[in-house]
Amino acid sequence: MMLFDLKKIFAERPEKKSSGFSLIETLIYVFLVALLTIAIVSSLARMTKSYRDIKAERAMALSANNLLNRFSYEVRRSNGLGGTFGTATGTLSLTQGTSTTAFSLESSSGRVLISTNGIQDYLTSSDTRISALTFYKLQATSTSKGVAIQFTISNSIGNIRTENFESSCVFPLIVSSWV
């Protein structure tokens, strides 16, 4: 006779119906949700950084384009020239008849200010900063005169970038005053 009846000990027991998840299943689900969350957050962070960089690039390009286009437009329609040339904080005064247009660098904000007959406006965005604005007189012959512009622009949002721009423009008519 046996002390223990092995048949009774190892007999099949009725199965319990499970009413939830096991601990291992729950841990696996938590791990997968954590991985997805990390992937989504890192993608959003990269997209936000890219957006800031694109916004900064666009602000720099737009400001430079506005400044160069207005400079070219005003030089081509003027017949008189004055200002401070060859310095990083240069000014340029252009006259057409009784109208005067002046370009200058506002040192406190780093923005280019244009003044037409006393009415002032900014040509560059508040998201950009001009660190040097230089004008040069150009004269190839006694009748061929022009002006060159050079400036350094940087952005104030995203990754800080700096670019140099330059352009020149020839007067269409003989300049009456060359100060």
Foldseek 3Di string as FASTA:
>chain_A
DDPDDVCVVPPDDDDDDDDDDDPVVVVVVVVVVVVVVVVVVVVVVVVVLVVFVVVQVVQVVQLVVLVVVVVQVQQQQFQAWDWDADFQFIKIWTHHVPKIKMWTADVVQQFIWIAIPRDIDTSHDSQKHKRGWHKDWDDDDQQKIKMKIKIKMWGNTRPIDIDIDMDMYIYPGRRPYDD
